[in-house]
C-alpha atoms as a PDB file:
ATOM      1  CA  MET A   1     -28.087   7.154   2.068  1.00  0.00           C
ATOM      2  CA  LEU A   2     -31.836   7.139   2.665  1.00  0.00           C
ATOM      3  CA  ALA A   3     -34.050   7.330   5.597  1.00  0.00           C
ATOM      4  CA  PHE A   4     -37.437   5.946   5.826  1.00  0.00           C
ATOM      5  CA  HIS A   5     -40.010   4.713   8.426  1.00  0.00           C
ATOM      6  CA  ASP A   6     -40.188   1.080   9.219  1.00  0.00           C
ATOM      7  CA  VAL A   7     -43.359  -0.583   7.764  1.00  0.00           C
ATOM      8  CA  THR A   8     -43.588  -2.439  11.229  1.00  0.00           C
ATOM      9  CA  PRO A   9     -42.877   0.315  13.842  1.00  0.00           C
ATOM     10  CA  GLN A  10     -41.573  -1.417  17.115  1.00  0.00           C
ATOM     11  CA  SER A  11     -41.993   1.962  18.770  1.00  0.00           C
ATOM     12  CA  PRO A  12     -43.472   5.492  18.096  1.00  0.00           C
ATOM     13  CA  VAL A  13     -40.567   6.351  16.272  1.00  0.00           C
ATOM     14  CA  HIS A  14     -39.118   3.688  14.186  1.00  0.00           C
ATOM     15  CA  PHE A  15     -36.968   4.490  11.123  1.00  0.00           C
ATOM     16  CA  LEU A  16     -34.106   2.841   8.988  1.00  0.00           C
ATOM     17  CA  LEU A  17     -31.299   4.538   7.773  1.00  0.00           C
ATOM     18  CA  ILE A  18     -29.290   2.723   4.864  1.00  0.00           C
ATOM     19  CA  PRO A  19     -26.822   3.421   2.453  1.00  0.00           C
ATOM     20  CA  LYS A  20     -26.823   3.492  -1.086  1.00  0.00           C
ATOM     21  CA  ARG A  21     -23.966   1.249  -1.570  1.00  0.00           C
ATOM     22  CA  HIS A  22     -24.066  -2.601  -1.062  1.00  0.00           C
ATOM     23  CA  ILE A  23     -23.093  -4.095   2.176  1.00  0.00           C
ATOM     24  CA  ARG A  24     -24.728  -6.983   3.269  1.00  0.00           C
ATOM     25  CA  ASN A  25     -24.090  -6.821   6.670  1.00  0.00           C
ATOM     26  CA  VAL A  26     -21.571  -5.971   9.517  1.00  0.00           C
ATOM     27  CA  MET A  27     -19.766  -9.304   9.176  1.00  0.00           C
ATOM     28  CA  GLU A  28     -19.000  -8.406   5.452  1.00  0.00           C
ATOM     29  CA  MET A  29     -17.930  -4.689   6.060  1.00  0.00           C
ATOM     30  CA  GLU A  30     -14.434  -3.413   4.770  1.00  0.00           C
ATOM     31  CA  ALA A  31     -11.559  -1.149   6.059  1.00  0.00           C
ATOM     32  CA  SER A  32     -12.801   1.319   3.457  1.00  0.00           C
ATOM     33  CA  ASP A  33     -16.332   0.972   5.067  1.00  0.00           C
ATOM     34  CA  VAL A  34     -15.391   2.327   8.737  1.00  0.00           C
ATOM     35  CA  SER A  35     -16.367   6.124   7.738  1.00  0.00           C
ATOM     36  CA  LEU A  36     -19.585   4.935   6.012  1.00  0.00           C
ATOM     37  CA  LEU A  37     -20.964   3.451   9.280  1.00  0.00           C
ATOM     38  CA  GLY A  38     -19.788   6.635  11.356  1.00  0.00           C
ATOM     39  CA  LYS A  39     -21.483   8.738   8.797  1.00  0.00           C
ATOM     40  CA  LEU A  40     -24.704   6.507   8.779  1.00  0.00           C
ATOM     41  CA  LEU A  41     -24.925   6.896  12.771  1.00  0.00           C
ATOM     42  CA  TYR A  42     -24.128  10.399  12.847  1.00  0.00           C
ATOM     43  CA  LYS A  43     -27.134  11.059  10.389  1.00  0.00           C
ATOM     44  CA  ALA A  44     -29.202   8.752  12.391  1.00  0.00           C
ATOM     45  CA  GLN A  45     -29.144  10.969  15.665  1.00  0.00           C
ATOM     46  CA  GLU A  46     -29.881  13.921  13.634  1.00  0.00           C
ATOM     47  CA  VAL A  47     -33.009  12.058  12.091  1.00  0.00           C
ATOM     48  CA  ALA A  48     -33.756  11.278  15.226  1.00  0.00           C
ATOM     49  CA  LYS A  49     -33.541  15.109  16.934  1.00  0.00           C
ATOM     50  CA  THR A  50     -35.513  16.214  13.755  1.00  0.00           C
ATOM     51  CA  LEU A  51     -37.984  13.727  15.026  1.00  0.00           C
ATOM     52  CA  GLY A  52     -38.089  14.966  18.609  1.00  0.00           C
ATOM     53  CA  CYS A  53     -35.915  12.434  20.172  1.00  0.00           C
ATOM     54  CA  GLU A  54     -33.108  14.336  21.581  1.00  0.00           C
ATOM     55  CA  GLU A  55     -34.358  14.727  25.335  1.00  0.00           C
ATOM     56  CA  ASN A  56     -35.571  10.884  26.071  1.00  0.00           C
ATOM     57  CA  GLY A  57     -33.156   9.439  23.476  1.00  0.00           C
ATOM     58  CA  ALA A  58     -33.260   6.875  21.351  1.00  0.00           C
ATOM     59  CA  ARG A  59     -32.137   3.080  20.616  1.00  0.00           C
ATOM     60  CA  PHE A  60     -29.793   2.558  17.536  1.00  0.00           C
ATOM     61  CA  VAL A  61     -29.588  -1.160  16.456  1.00  0.00           C
ATOM     62  CA  VAL A  62     -27.883  -3.068  13.822  1.00  0.00           C
ATOM     63  CA  ASN A  63     -28.557  -6.381  13.655  1.00  0.00           C
ATOM     64  CA  CYS A  64     -26.158  -9.004  11.806  1.00  0.00           C
ATOM     65  CA  LYS A  65     -27.373 -12.627  10.358  1.00  0.00           C
ATOM     66  CA  LYS A  66     -29.866 -15.015  11.235  1.00  0.00           C
ATOM     67  CA  ASP A  67     -28.950 -15.391  14.978  1.00  0.00           C
ATOM     68  CA  GLY A  68     -28.736 -11.160  15.168  1.00  0.00           C
ATOM     69  CA  GLY A  69     -32.164 -10.945  13.866  1.00  0.00           C
ATOM     70  CA  GLN A  70     -31.526  -9.587  10.182  1.00  0.00           C
ATOM     71  CA  THR A  71     -33.953 -10.203   8.008  1.00  0.00           C
ATOM     72  CA  VAL A  72     -33.259  -8.227   5.393  1.00  0.00           C
ATOM     73  CA  ASP A  73     -29.542  -8.665   3.501  1.00  0.00           C
ATOM     74  CA  HIS A  74     -28.582  -4.936   3.380  1.00  0.00           C
ATOM     75  CA  LEU A  75     -26.828  -3.385   6.136  1.00  0.00           C
ATOM     76  CA  HIS A  76     -29.128  -0.804   8.060  1.00  0.00           C
ATOM     77  CA  ILE A  77     -29.351   1.066  11.230  1.00  0.00           C
ATOM     78  CA  HIS A  78     -32.984   0.762  13.172  1.00  0.00           C
ATOM     79  CA  ALA A  79     -33.577   4.029  15.388  1.00  0.00           C
ATOM     80  CA  LEU A  80     -36.369   3.213  17.840  1.00  0.00           C
ATOM     81  CA  ALA A  81     -37.509   5.753  20.406  1.00  0.00           C
ATOM     82  CA  GLY A  82     -40.971   7.509  21.416  1.00  0.00           C
ATOM     83  CA  ARG A  83     -41.338   4.937  24.584  1.00  0.00           C
ATOM     84  CA  CYS A  84     -39.094   3.081  27.389  1.00  0.00           C
ATOM     85  CA  LEU A  85     -37.097   0.275  25.600  1.00  0.00           C
ATOM     86  CA  ASP A  86     -36.088  -2.290  28.390  1.00  0.00           C
ATOM     87  CA  TRP A  87     -33.153  -4.658  27.839  1.00  0.00           C
ATOM     88  CA  PRO A  88     -32.673  -6.973  26.909  1.00  0.00           C
ATOM     89  CA  PRO A  89     -35.483  -7.050  24.300  1.00  0.00           C
ATOM     90  CA  GLY A  90     -38.188  -9.212  24.493  1.00  0.00           C
END
């Protein structure tokens, strides 16, 4: 997996975590991908803690397909933190 800062950050902390293995989106995951998604989420919280987000928390997001806001056809997790994030997002 790879982690890197988003090129158009939506919060003071905004990074992506992506698997090296290509999975187009959540809807195309297979049963064998279940542990991979868990590892991605675990690593995302580790990186968030490293970036100082443990005390106030973070939002972890997986967009899926057009209506879900996915713009890159490769499964990835967004981690956003560093400010209060409203719900629903605007």
